Amino acid sequence: MNKIILDCDPGMDDSLAIIMAAKSKDLDLLAVTAVNGNYPVDITTKNALKTLELIGRTDIPVARGMAKPLFRSAPKDPFTHGADGQAEMNLPEPVTQADPRHAADLIIDLVRKYPHEVTLVCTAPMSNIAMAFMKDPGIIPLVREVIAISGMFGFSEYAFANATGDTPLSEWNVYVDPEAARMVYHSGVKLTAIGLDAATHFDTDFSANDLEAFRTSELSEAKFLSNAISFSHGRGFEAYCAVIDGVAVAYAIDRSVVDTVEGHVDIEIKDGLTLGMTVMDRRHHFVWKQLPVIAVGYHTDSSKFLGIVKKLVLE
């Protein structure tokens, strides 16, 4: 099994990502690290604990991480996941306590314990990962890879139509802490960025039979997904909003879920119209080869992805 740490900011779709990672027989979820992003870190940490308690996986440690971006104040997410951050599911207050270590320290400890084996799956701003890399740069070559919901690259109309940051061409995770993202992009770590091009498709939808199966299932995780989809529909959004972060976990399970291409990419960190924009140099000539080379997701096999989601929440 592939060892992963899930760095997240739950959020309903992050909560689904936790469920998927914890239930997958192909992944060994070593820890969940929480960060400021969709909600303040106290809430995201609590929601991570709630989610693991929901599925009976309190053996997986949860660590509280960065309460704010590296150099900026925290913006407020314009897309609400509800008062509880989990689509008004109102799960019970967690009994489990968070790990006493800071998320960055837990990342460092686990990467050093399992050198070249740990994949960091990041569905949130990269503040925790950047802090871990700053505290202990020696772990960077020991990380197997980073898979992140990160950026928008203009491969499809979805990237532009569904931009989630608070500037016209940005994605929320990068926009919240662009300096942290830029640091990770420039670190030399093996990185796959699954941007909005691949993670926010309107055709990532469930059939009426699927929705009924979620609604009537006795499994708590299926009911959670049913509620998150209903919450999204009630706010005028498509079902994909409830499962965005699950794409990164699905890709960690099966690389054929997302098609990727390598390219030279950097992040705009100047305030203004393009703050947080991920810029990929796709020219035939005069490419800026000094920019970091990463893998970028440009297409998701929605049928395959939805099949993985359904299997993991219904079985």
C-alpha atoms as a PDB file:
ATOM      1  CA  MET A   1       0.000   0.000   0.000  1.00  0.00           C
ATOM      2  CA  ASN A   2       1.099   3.544  -0.728  1.00  0.00           C
ATOM      3  CA  LYS A   3       1.785   5.510   2.426  1.00  0.00           C
ATOM      4  CA  ILE A   4       0.177   8.952   2.432  1.00  0.00           C
ATOM      5  CA  ILE A   5      -0.323  11.956   4.670  1.00  0.00           C
ATOM      6  CA  LEU A   6      -3.484  13.892   3.849  1.00  0.00           C
ATOM      7  CA  ASP A   7      -2.983  17.629   4.391  1.00  0.00           C
ATOM      8  CA  CYS A   8      -6.396  19.282   4.303  1.00  0.00           C
ATOM      9  CA  ASP A   9      -8.797  21.996   5.458  1.00  0.00           C
ATOM     10  CA  PRO A  10     -12.193  20.279   5.947  1.00  0.00           C
ATOM     11  CA  GLY A  11     -14.542  21.470   4.245  1.00  0.00           C
ATOM     12  CA  MET A  12     -17.052  18.940   2.975  1.00  0.00           C
ATOM     13  CA  ASP A  13     -14.959  17.777   0.013  1.00  0.00           C
ATOM     14  CA  ASP A  14     -11.863  17.462   2.219  1.00  0.00           C
ATOM     15  CA  SER A  15     -13.988  15.367   4.572  1.00  0.00           C
ATOM     16  CA  LEU A  16     -14.865  13.096   1.653  1.00  0.00           C
ATOM     17  CA  ALA A  17     -11.160  12.905   0.786  1.00  0.00           C
ATOM     18  CA  ILE A  18     -10.440  11.743   4.351  1.00  0.00           C
ATOM     19  CA  ILE A  19     -13.140   9.076   4.073  1.00  0.00           C
ATOM     20  CA  MET A  20     -11.776   7.857   0.739  1.00  0.00           C
ATOM     21  CA  ALA A  21      -8.160   7.759   1.923  1.00  0.00           C
ATOM     22  CA  ALA A  22      -9.014   6.004   5.181  1.00  0.00           C
ATOM     23  CA  LYS A  23     -11.180   3.358   3.497  1.00  0.00           C
ATOM     24  CA  SER A  24      -8.994   2.612   0.479  1.00  0.00           C
ATOM     25  CA  LYS A  25      -7.212  -0.749   0.565  1.00  0.00           C
ATOM     26  CA  ASP A  26      -4.586   0.758  -1.752  1.00  0.00           C
ATOM     27  CA  LEU A  27      -3.543   3.511   0.658  1.00  0.00           C
ATOM     28  CA  ASP A  28      -2.028   3.517   4.113  1.00  0.00           C
ATOM     29  CA  LEU A  29      -3.221   6.791   5.634  1.00  0.00           C
ATOM     30  CA  LEU A  30      -0.483   7.583   8.156  1.00  0.00           C
ATOM     31  CA  ALA A  31      -1.945  10.874   9.375  1.00  0.00           C
ATOM     32  CA  VAL A  32      -4.263  13.763   8.628  1.00  0.00           C
ATOM     33  CA  THR A  33      -2.834  17.255   9.016  1.00  0.00           C
ATOM     34  CA  ALA A  34      -5.174  20.236   9.213  1.00  0.00           C
ATOM     35  CA  VAL A  35      -4.535  23.803   8.124  1.00  0.00           C
ATOM     36  CA  ASN A  36      -6.290  27.146   7.787  1.00  0.00           C
ATOM     37  CA  GLY A  37      -8.097  27.373   4.476  1.00  0.00           C
ATOM     38  CA  ASN A  38     -11.794  26.802   3.950  1.00  0.00           C
ATOM     39  CA  TYR A  39     -12.178  27.538   7.664  1.00  0.00           C
ATOM     40  CA  PRO A  40      -9.891  28.507  10.574  1.00  0.00           C
ATOM     41  CA  VAL A  41      -7.555  25.747  11.671  1.00  0.00           C
ATOM     42  CA  ASP A  42      -9.403  25.021  14.916  1.00  0.00           C
ATOM     43  CA  ILE A  43     -12.500  24.129  12.874  1.00  0.00           C
ATOM     44  CA  THR A  44     -10.621  22.167  10.202  1.00  0.00           C
ATOM     45  CA  THR A  45      -8.828  20.152  12.893  1.00  0.00           C
ATOM     46  CA  LYS A  46     -12.096  19.442  14.650  1.00  0.00           C
ATOM     47  CA  ASN A  47     -13.746  18.432  11.371  1.00  0.00           C
ATOM     48  CA  ALA A  48     -10.917  16.029  10.553  1.00  0.00           C
ATOM     49  CA  LEU A  49     -11.393  14.377  13.950  1.00  0.00           C
ATOM     50  CA  LYS A  50     -15.169  14.248  13.456  1.00  0.00           C
ATOM     51  CA  THR A  51     -14.780  12.603  10.062  1.00  0.00           C
ATOM     52  CA  LEU A  52     -12.453   9.879  11.305  1.00  0.00           C
ATOM     53  CA  GLU A  53     -14.771   9.206  14.239  1.00  0.00           C
ATOM     54  CA  LEU A  54     -17.676   8.955  11.777  1.00  0.00           C
ATOM     55  CA  ILE A  55     -16.015   5.989  10.062  1.00  0.00           C
ATOM     56  CA  GLY A  56     -14.412   4.458  13.139  1.00  0.00           C
ATOM     57  CA  ARG A  57     -10.790   5.265  12.248  1.00  0.00           C
ATOM     58  CA  THR A  58      -9.613   7.041  15.369  1.00  0.00           C
ATOM     59  CA  ASP A  59      -6.330   5.133  15.053  1.00  0.00           C
ATOM     60  CA  ILE A  60      -5.242   7.698  12.452  1.00  0.00           C
ATOM     61  CA  PRO A  61      -3.585  10.724  14.092  1.00  0.00           C
ATOM     62  CA  VAL A  62      -4.763  14.240  13.329  1.00  0.00           C
ATOM     63  CA  ALA A  63      -2.439  17.209  13.856  1.00  0.00           C
ATOM     64  CA  ARG A  64      -3.302  20.894  13.959  1.00  0.00           C
ATOM     65  CA  GLY A  65      -1.176  23.010  11.658  1.00  0.00           C
ATOM     66  CA  MET A  66      -0.770  26.566  10.435  1.00  0.00           C
ATOM     67  CA  ALA A  67      -3.401  29.040  11.644  1.00  0.00           C
ATOM     68  CA  LYS A  68      -2.587  31.550   8.902  1.00  0.00           C
ATOM     69  CA  PRO A  69      -0.652  31.828   5.651  1.00  0.00           C
ATOM     70  CA  LEU A  70       3.121  32.256   5.842  1.00  0.00           C
ATOM     71  CA  PHE A  71       3.187  36.007   5.239  1.00  0.00           C
ATOM     72  CA  ARG A  72      -0.412  37.128   4.819  1.00  0.00           C
ATOM     73  CA  SER A  73      -3.642  37.423   6.728  1.00  0.00           C
ATOM     74  CA  ALA A  74      -6.194  34.712   6.043  1.00  0.00           C
ATOM     75  CA  PRO A  75      -8.893  35.549   3.489  1.00  0.00           C
ATOM     76  CA  LYS A  76     -12.484  34.417   3.958  1.00  0.00           C
ATOM     77  CA  ASP A  77     -13.668  31.702   1.584  1.00  0.00           C
ATOM     78  CA  PRO A  78     -16.540  33.077  -0.541  1.00  0.00           C
ATOM     79  CA  PHE A  79     -17.892  29.522  -0.963  1.00  0.00           C
ATOM     80  CA  THR A  80     -19.456  28.377   2.284  1.00  0.00           C
ATOM     81  CA  HIS A  81     -19.490  24.747   3.371  1.00  0.00           C
ATOM     82  CA  GLY A  82     -22.081  25.583   6.014  1.00  0.00           C
ATOM     83  CA  ALA A  83     -21.886  26.827   9.573  1.00  0.00           C
ATOM     84  CA  ASP A  84     -20.138  23.622  10.656  1.00  0.00           C
ATOM     85  CA  GLY A  85     -17.880  23.435   7.602  1.00  0.00           C
ATOM     86  CA  GLN A  86     -19.413  20.076   6.671  1.00  0.00           C
ATOM     87  CA  ALA A  87     -22.576  20.972   4.773  1.00  0.00           C
ATOM     88  CA  GLU A  88     -24.642  21.328   7.948  1.00  0.00           C
ATOM     89  CA  MET A  89     -24.163  17.642   8.793  1.00  0.00           C
ATOM     90  CA  ASN A  90     -23.719  18.687  12.428  1.00  0.00           C
ATOM     91  CA  LEU A  91     -21.639  15.698  13.444  1.00  0.00           C
ATOM     92  CA  PRO A  92     -21.077  15.176  17.183  1.00  0.00           C
ATOM     93  CA  GLU A  93     -18.228  17.012  18.838  1.00  0.00           C
ATOM     94  CA  PRO A  94     -15.116  14.802  18.637  1.00  0.00           C
ATOM     95  CA  VAL A  95     -14.007  12.754  21.596  1.00  0.00           C
ATOM     96  CA  THR A  96     -10.593  12.035  20.095  1.00  0.00           C
ATOM     97  CA  GLN A  97      -7.796  14.498  20.849  1.00  0.00           C
ATOM     98  CA  ALA A  98      -5.473  15.901  18.229  1.00  0.00           C
ATOM     99  CA  ASP A  99      -1.862  14.754  18.170  1.00  0.00           C
ATOM    100  CA  PRO A 100       0.222  17.085  20.346  1.00  0.00           C
ATOM    101  CA  ARG A 101       2.699  17.741  17.547  1.00  0.00           C
ATOM    102  CA  HIS A 102       2.353  20.604  15.098  1.00  0.00           C
ATOM    103  CA  ALA A 103       1.320  19.340  11.666  1.00  0.00           C
ATOM    104  CA  ALA A 104       4.672  20.361  10.161  1.00  0.00           C
ATOM    105  CA  ASP A 105       6.518  18.346  12.807  1.00  0.00           C
ATOM    106  CA  LEU A 106       4.314  15.313  12.246  1.00  0.00           C
ATOM    107  CA  ILE A 107       5.024  15.526   8.514  1.00  0.00           C
ATOM    108  CA  ILE A 108       8.762  15.719   9.231  1.00  0.00           C
ATOM    109  CA  ASP A 109       8.648  12.787  11.671  1.00  0.00           C
ATOM    110  CA  LEU A 110       6.730  10.506   9.314  1.00  0.00           C
ATOM    111  CA  VAL A 111       8.794  11.344   6.227  1.00  0.00           C
ATOM    112  CA  ARG A 112      11.982  10.609   8.182  1.00  0.00           C
ATOM    113  CA  LYS A 113      10.470   7.399   9.557  1.00  0.00           C
ATOM    114  CA  TYR A 114       9.537   6.209   6.050  1.00  0.00           C
ATOM    115  CA  PRO A 115      12.095   7.804   3.691  1.00  0.00           C
ATOM    116  CA  HIS A 116      11.114   7.766  -0.014  1.00  0.00           C
ATOM    117  CA  GLU A 117       7.790   6.110   0.848  1.00  0.00           C
ATOM    118  CA  VAL A 118       5.449   8.928   1.882  1.00  0.00           C
ATOM    119  CA  THR A 119       3.230  10.784  -0.580  1.00  0.00           C
ATOM    120  CA  LEU A 120       1.846  14.097   0.659  1.00  0.00           C
ATOM    121  CA  VAL A 121      -1.699  14.479  -0.664  1.00  0.00           C
ATOM    122  CA  CYS A 122      -2.579  18.143  -0.234  1.00  0.00           C
ATOM    123  CA  THR A 123      -6.160  19.351  -0.677  1.00  0.00           C
ATOM    124  CA  ALA A 124      -5.604  22.696   1.027  1.00  0.00           C
ATOM    125  CA  PRO A 125      -3.280  25.710   1.046  1.00  0.00           C
ATOM    126  CA  MET A 126       0.313  24.451   1.216  1.00  0.00           C
ATOM    127  CA  SER A 127       1.207  26.293   4.437  1.00  0.00           C
ATOM    128  CA  ASN A 128       1.891  23.119   6.449  1.00  0.00           C
ATOM    129  CA  ILE A 129       4.042  21.544   3.760  1.00  0.00           C
ATOM    130  CA  ALA A 130       6.017  24.733   3.182  1.00  0.00           C
ATOM    131  CA  MET A 131       6.616  25.061   6.919  1.00  0.00           C
ATOM    132  CA  ALA A 132       7.814  21.447   7.128  1.00  0.00           C
ATOM    133  CA  PHE A 133      10.192  22.072   4.210  1.00  0.00           C
ATOM    134  CA  MET A 134      11.513  25.247   5.854  1.00  0.00           C
ATOM    135  CA  LYS A 135      12.010  23.606   9.259  1.00  0.00           C
ATOM    136  CA  ASP A 136      13.750  20.567   7.809  1.00  0.00           C
ATOM    137  CA  PRO A 137      14.844  20.991   4.168  1.00  0.00           C
ATOM    138  CA  GLY A 138      16.475  17.575   4.401  1.00  0.00           C
ATOM    139  CA  ILE A 139      13.098  15.879   4.079  1.00  0.00           C
ATOM    140  CA  ILE A 140      12.447  17.289   0.597  1.00  0.00           C
ATOM    141  CA  PRO A 141      14.382  14.555  -1.260  1.00  0.00           C
ATOM    142  CA  LEU A 142      12.885  11.977   1.120  1.00  0.00           C
ATOM    143  CA  VAL A 143       9.274  12.759   0.122  1.00  0.00           C
ATOM    144  CA  ARG A 144       8.079  10.302  -2.498  1.00  0.00           C
ATOM    145  CA  GLU A 145       5.897  12.950  -4.139  1.00  0.00           C
ATOM    146  CA  VAL A 146       3.290  15.622  -3.560  1.00  0.00           C
ATOM    147  CA  ILE A 147      -0.173  15.338  -5.123  1.00  0.00           C
ATOM    148  CA  ALA A 148      -2.126  18.551  -4.718  1.00  0.00           C
ATOM    149  CA  ILE A 149      -5.421  20.133  -5.634  1.00  0.00           C
ATOM    150  CA  SER A 150      -3.658  23.248  -6.776  1.00  0.00           C
ATOM    151  CA  GLY A 151      -3.985  25.911  -9.426  1.00  0.00           C
ATOM    152  CA  MET A 152      -5.844  26.546 -12.652  1.00  0.00           C
ATOM    153  CA  PHE A 153      -3.997  26.281 -15.933  1.00  0.00           C
ATOM    154  CA  GLY A 154      -6.443  27.084 -18.732  1.00  0.00           C
ATOM    155  CA  PHE A 155      -6.633  23.670 -20.390  1.00  0.00           C
ATOM    156  CA  SER A 156     -10.417  23.724 -20.331  1.00  0.00           C
ATOM    157  CA  GLU A 157     -13.349  26.077 -19.912  1.00  0.00           C
ATOM    158  CA  TYR A 158     -13.874  24.701 -16.416  1.00  0.00           C
ATOM    159  CA  ALA A 159     -10.659  26.312 -15.188  1.00  0.00           C
ATOM    160  CA  PHE A 160     -11.997  29.751 -16.061  1.00  0.00           C
ATOM    161  CA  ALA A 161     -15.680  29.189 -15.264  1.00  0.00           C
ATOM    162  CA  ASN A 162     -14.981  27.668 -11.863  1.00  0.00           C
ATOM    163  CA  ALA A 163     -12.074  29.766 -10.612  1.00  0.00           C
ATOM    164  CA  THR A 164     -12.338  29.524  -6.832  1.00  0.00           C
ATOM    165  CA  GLY A 165      -9.833  32.088  -5.609  1.00  0.00           C
ATOM    166  CA  ASP A 166     -10.752  35.702  -5.003  1.00  0.00           C
ATOM    167  CA  THR A 167      -9.033  36.914  -8.168  1.00  0.00           C
ATOM    168  CA  PRO A 168     -10.349  36.085 -11.662  1.00  0.00           C
ATOM    169  CA  LEU A 169      -7.664  33.516 -12.550  1.00  0.00           C
ATOM    170  CA  SER A 170      -6.813  31.834  -9.263  1.00  0.00           C
ATOM    171  CA  GLU A 171      -7.654  28.652  -7.403  1.00  0.00           C
ATOM    172  CA  TRP A 172      -8.490  28.893  -3.711  1.00  0.00           C
ATOM    173  CA  ASN A 173      -5.700  26.748  -2.251  1.00  0.00           C
ATOM    174  CA  VAL A 174      -3.014  28.721  -4.071  1.00  0.00           C
ATOM    175  CA  TYR A 175      -4.727  32.081  -3.535  1.00  0.00           C
ATOM    176  CA  VAL A 176      -4.887  31.660   0.259  1.00  0.00           C
ATOM    177  CA  ASP A 177      -1.123  31.179   0.610  1.00  0.00           C
ATOM    178  CA  PRO A 178       0.613  31.837  -2.710  1.00  0.00           C
ATOM    179  CA  GLU A 179       4.042  32.150  -1.089  1.00  0.00           C
ATOM    180  CA  ALA A 180       3.708  28.682   0.469  1.00  0.00           C
ATOM    181  CA  ALA A 181       2.593  27.192  -2.833  1.00  0.00           C
ATOM    182  CA  ARG A 182       5.437  28.897  -4.689  1.00  0.00           C
ATOM    183  CA  MET A 183       7.913  27.554  -2.130  1.00  0.00           C
ATOM    184  CA  VAL A 184       6.704  23.974  -2.648  1.00  0.00           C
ATOM    185  CA  TYR A 185       6.616  24.365  -6.430  1.00  0.00           C
ATOM    186  CA  HIS A 186      10.230  25.601  -6.340  1.00  0.00           C
ATOM    187  CA  SER A 187      11.449  23.034  -3.795  1.00  0.00           C
ATOM    188  CA  GLY A 188      12.396  20.355  -6.315  1.00  0.00           C
ATOM    189  CA  VAL A 189       9.973  17.847  -4.811  1.00  0.00           C
ATOM    190  CA  LYS A 190       8.146  15.651  -7.326  1.00  0.00           C
ATOM    191  CA  LEU A 191       4.828  17.467  -7.687  1.00  0.00           C
ATOM    192  CA  THR A 192       1.557  16.789  -9.493  1.00  0.00           C
ATOM    193  CA  ALA A 193      -0.833  19.742  -9.434  1.00  0.00           C
ATOM    194  CA  ILE A 194      -4.433  18.793 -10.184  1.00  0.00           C
ATOM    195  CA  GLY A 195      -5.992  22.125 -10.962  1.00  0.00           C
ATOM    196  CA  LEU A 196      -9.528  23.253 -11.612  1.00  0.00           C
ATOM    197  CA  ASP A 197      -9.141  22.138 -15.236  1.00  0.00           C
ATOM    198  CA  ALA A 198      -9.340  18.530 -14.035  1.00  0.00           C
ATOM    199  CA  ALA A 199     -11.110  18.754 -10.676  1.00  0.00           C
ATOM    200  CA  THR A 200     -14.213  20.876 -11.280  1.00  0.00           C
ATOM    201  CA  HIS A 201     -16.153  19.395 -14.180  1.00  0.00           C
ATOM    202  CA  PHE A 202     -19.926  19.731 -14.417  1.00  0.00           C
ATOM    203  CA  ASP A 203     -19.989  16.189 -15.839  1.00  0.00           C
ATOM    204  CA  THR A 204     -18.600  14.913 -12.528  1.00  0.00           C
ATOM    205  CA  ASP A 205     -22.146  14.101 -11.500  1.00  0.00           C
ATOM    206  CA  PHE A 206     -24.037  11.194 -10.038  1.00  0.00           C
ATOM    207  CA  SER A 207     -27.060   9.435 -11.472  1.00  0.00           C
ATOM    208  CA  ALA A 208     -30.455   9.408  -9.761  1.00  0.00           C
ATOM    209  CA  ASN A 209     -29.764   5.781  -8.808  1.00  0.00           C
ATOM    210  CA  ASP A 210     -26.433   6.771  -7.252  1.00  0.00           C
ATOM    211  CA  LEU A 211     -28.053   9.517  -5.205  1.00  0.00           C
ATOM    212  CA  GLU A 212     -30.729   7.138  -3.995  1.00  0.00           C
ATOM    213  CA  ALA A 213     -28.070   4.568  -3.049  1.00  0.00           C
ATOM    214  CA  PHE A 214     -26.222   7.181  -0.985  1.00  0.00           C
ATOM    215  CA  ARG A 215     -29.425   8.393   0.648  1.00  0.00           C
ATOM    216  CA  THR A 216     -30.700   4.959   1.628  1.00  0.00           C
ATOM    217  CA  SER A 217     -27.386   3.395   2.608  1.00  0.00           C
ATOM    218  CA  GLU A 218     -26.877   2.456   6.240  1.00  0.00           C
ATOM    219  CA  LEU A 219     -23.269   3.635   6.031  1.00  0.00           C
ATOM    220  CA  SER A 220     -22.599   6.980   7.672  1.00  0.00           C
ATOM    221  CA  GLU A 221     -20.117   7.998   4.988  1.00  0.00           C
ATOM    222  CA  ALA A 222     -22.703   7.479   2.227  1.00  0.00           C
ATOM    223  CA  LYS A 223     -25.195   9.602   4.117  1.00  0.00           C
ATOM    224  CA  PHE A 224     -22.496  12.255   4.561  1.00  0.00           C
ATOM    225  CA  LEU A 225     -21.930  12.404   0.793  1.00  0.00           C
ATOM    226  CA  SER A 226     -25.679  12.462   0.119  1.00  0.00           C
ATOM    227  CA  ASN A 227     -26.046  15.417   2.464  1.00  0.00           C
ATOM    228  CA  ALA A 228     -23.066  17.267   0.924  1.00  0.00           C
ATOM    229  CA  ILE A 229     -24.499  16.869  -2.582  1.00  0.00           C
ATOM    230  CA  SER A 230     -27.933  18.055  -1.447  1.00  0.00           C
ATOM    231  CA  PHE A 231     -26.299  21.027   0.279  1.00  0.00           C
ATOM    232  CA  SER A 232     -24.432  21.937  -2.924  1.00  0.00           C
ATOM    233  CA  HIS A 233     -27.577  21.610  -5.038  1.00  0.00           C
ATOM    234  CA  GLY A 234     -29.473  23.752  -2.543  1.00  0.00           C
ATOM    235  CA  ARG A 235     -26.965  26.558  -3.026  1.00  0.00           C
ATOM    236  CA  GLY A 236     -27.188  26.366  -6.826  1.00  0.00           C
ATOM    237  CA  PHE A 237     -23.932  24.455  -7.335  1.00  0.00           C
ATOM    238  CA  GLU A 238     -23.308  21.134  -9.043  1.00  0.00           C
ATOM    239  CA  ALA A 239     -22.455  17.861  -7.283  1.00  0.00           C
ATOM    240  CA  TYR A 240     -18.785  18.208  -8.212  1.00  0.00           C
ATOM    241  CA  CYS A 241     -18.420  20.757  -5.370  1.00  0.00           C
ATOM    242  CA  ALA A 242     -18.877  17.948  -2.851  1.00  0.00           C
ATOM    243  CA  VAL A 243     -16.119  15.771  -4.308  1.00  0.00           C
ATOM    244  CA  ILE A 244     -13.393  18.102  -5.679  1.00  0.00           C
ATOM    245  CA  ASP A 245     -10.701  17.091  -3.200  1.00  0.00           C
ATOM    246  CA  GLY A 246     -11.480  13.427  -3.706  1.00  0.00           C
ATOM    247  CA  VAL A 247      -9.834  13.678  -7.137  1.00  0.00           C
ATOM    248  CA  ALA A 248      -6.394  13.905  -5.498  1.00  0.00           C
ATOM    249  CA  VAL A 249      -7.042  10.791  -3.411  1.00  0.00           C
ATOM    250  CA  ALA A 250      -8.421   8.922  -6.422  1.00  0.00           C
ATOM    251  CA  TYR A 251      -5.270   9.819  -8.353  1.00  0.00           C
ATOM    252  CA  ALA A 252      -3.135   8.469  -5.502  1.00  0.00           C
ATOM    253  CA  ILE A 253      -5.096   5.221  -5.815  1.00  0.00           C
ATOM    254  CA  ASP A 254      -5.171   4.993  -9.610  1.00  0.00           C
ATOM    255  CA  ARG A 255      -2.937   7.162 -11.829  1.00  0.00           C
ATOM    256  CA  SER A 256      -5.164   6.598 -14.842  1.00  0.00           C
ATOM    257  CA  VAL A 257      -7.895   8.758 -13.247  1.00  0.00           C
ATOM    258  CA  VAL A 258      -6.139  12.008 -14.230  1.00  0.00           C
ATOM    259  CA  ASP A 259      -4.151  12.688 -17.397  1.00  0.00           C
ATOM    260  CA  THR A 260      -1.119  14.887 -16.780  1.00  0.00           C
ATOM    261  CA  VAL A 261       1.496  16.767 -18.760  1.00  0.00           C
ATOM    262  CA  GLU A 262       4.821  18.162 -17.598  1.00  0.00           C
ATOM    263  CA  GLY A 263       5.455  21.846 -17.928  1.00  0.00           C
ATOM    264  CA  HIS A 264       7.253  24.890 -16.586  1.00  0.00           C
ATOM    265  CA  VAL A 265       5.023  26.537 -13.976  1.00  0.00           C
ATOM    266  CA  ASP A 266       5.263  29.383 -11.487  1.00  0.00           C
ATOM    267  CA  ILE A 267       2.926  31.320  -9.200  1.00  0.00           C
ATOM    268  CA  GLU A 268       2.200  35.033  -9.110  1.00  0.00           C
ATOM    269  CA  ILE A 269       2.700  36.379  -5.597  1.00  0.00           C
ATOM    270  CA  LYS A 270       2.215  40.084  -6.317  1.00  0.00           C
ATOM    271  CA  ASP A 271      -0.977  41.657  -5.022  1.00  0.00           C
ATOM    272  CA  GLY A 272      -3.539  42.643  -7.607  1.00  0.00           C
ATOM    273  CA  LEU A 273      -5.519  41.196 -10.469  1.00  0.00           C
ATOM    274  CA  THR A 274      -3.427  38.040 -10.896  1.00  0.00           C
ATOM    275  CA  LEU A 275      -2.473  37.196  -7.285  1.00  0.00           C
ATOM    276  CA  GLY A 276      -2.332  33.426  -6.898  1.00  0.00           C
ATOM    277  CA  MET A 277      -2.421  32.704 -10.629  1.00  0.00           C
ATOM    278  CA  THR A 278      -0.541  29.583 -11.688  1.00  0.00           C
ATOM    279  CA  VAL A 279       1.252  30.389 -14.952  1.00  0.00           C
ATOM    280  CA  MET A 280       2.299  27.539 -17.229  1.00  0.00           C
ATOM    281  CA  ASP A 281       4.622  28.419 -20.102  1.00  0.00           C
ATOM    282  CA  ARG A 282       3.104  26.418 -22.972  1.00  0.00           C
ATOM    283  CA  ARG A 283       4.902  28.169 -25.827  1.00  0.00           C
ATOM    284  CA  HIS A 284       6.629  26.296 -28.631  1.00  0.00           C
ATOM    285  CA  HIS A 285       9.569  28.701 -28.499  1.00  0.00           C
ATOM    286  CA  PHE A 286      11.307  30.926 -25.948  1.00  0.00           C
ATOM    287  CA  VAL A 287      10.013  28.922 -22.983  1.00  0.00           C
ATOM    288  CA  TRP A 288      11.169  30.178 -19.578  1.00  0.00           C
ATOM    289  CA  LYS A 289      13.091  27.084 -18.644  1.00  0.00           C
ATOM    290  CA  GLN A 290      14.127  28.576 -15.323  1.00  0.00           C
ATOM    291  CA  LEU A 291      10.587  27.911 -14.033  1.00  0.00           C
ATOM    292  CA  PRO A 292       9.978  24.739 -11.992  1.00  0.00           C
ATOM    293  CA  VAL A 293       8.946  21.643 -13.932  1.00  0.00           C
ATOM    294  CA  ILE A 294       5.915  19.902 -12.474  1.00  0.00           C
ATOM    295  CA  ALA A 295       3.187  17.553 -13.679  1.00  0.00           C
ATOM    296  CA  VAL A 296      -0.145  19.266 -14.296  1.00  0.00           C
ATOM    297  CA  GLY A 297      -3.504  17.493 -14.506  1.00  0.00           C
ATOM    298  CA  TYR A 298      -5.494  18.472 -17.571  1.00  0.00           C
ATOM    299  CA  HIS A 299      -8.299  15.894 -17.736  1.00  0.00           C
ATOM    300  CA  THR A 300     -10.126  13.606 -15.311  1.00  0.00           C
ATOM    301  CA  ASP A 301     -11.810  10.376 -16.341  1.00  0.00           C
ATOM    302  CA  SER A 302     -15.054  11.256 -14.580  1.00  0.00           C
ATOM    303  CA  SER A 303     -16.546   7.795 -14.936  1.00  0.00           C
ATOM    304  CA  LYS A 304     -13.525   6.154 -13.361  1.00  0.00           C
ATOM    305  CA  PHE A 305     -13.338   8.772 -10.617  1.00  0.00           C
ATOM    306  CA  LEU A 306     -17.014   8.460  -9.724  1.00  0.00           C
ATOM    307  CA  GLY A 307     -16.640   4.683  -9.679  1.00  0.00           C
ATOM    308  CA  ILE A 308     -13.893   4.970  -7.061  1.00  0.00           C
ATOM    309  CA  VAL A 309     -15.968   7.366  -4.958  1.00  0.00           C
ATOM    310  CA  LYS A 310     -19.019   5.108  -5.054  1.00  0.00           C
ATOM    311  CA  LYS A 311     -17.026   2.014  -4.162  1.00  0.00           C
ATOM    312  CA  LEU A 312     -15.362   3.694  -1.184  1.00  0.00           C
ATOM    313  CA  VAL A 313     -18.511   5.235   0.315  1.00  0.00           C
ATOM    314  CA  LEU A 314     -20.895   2.349  -0.332  1.00  0.00           C
ATOM    315  CA  GLU A 315     -18.787  -0.678   0.629  1.00  0.00           C
END
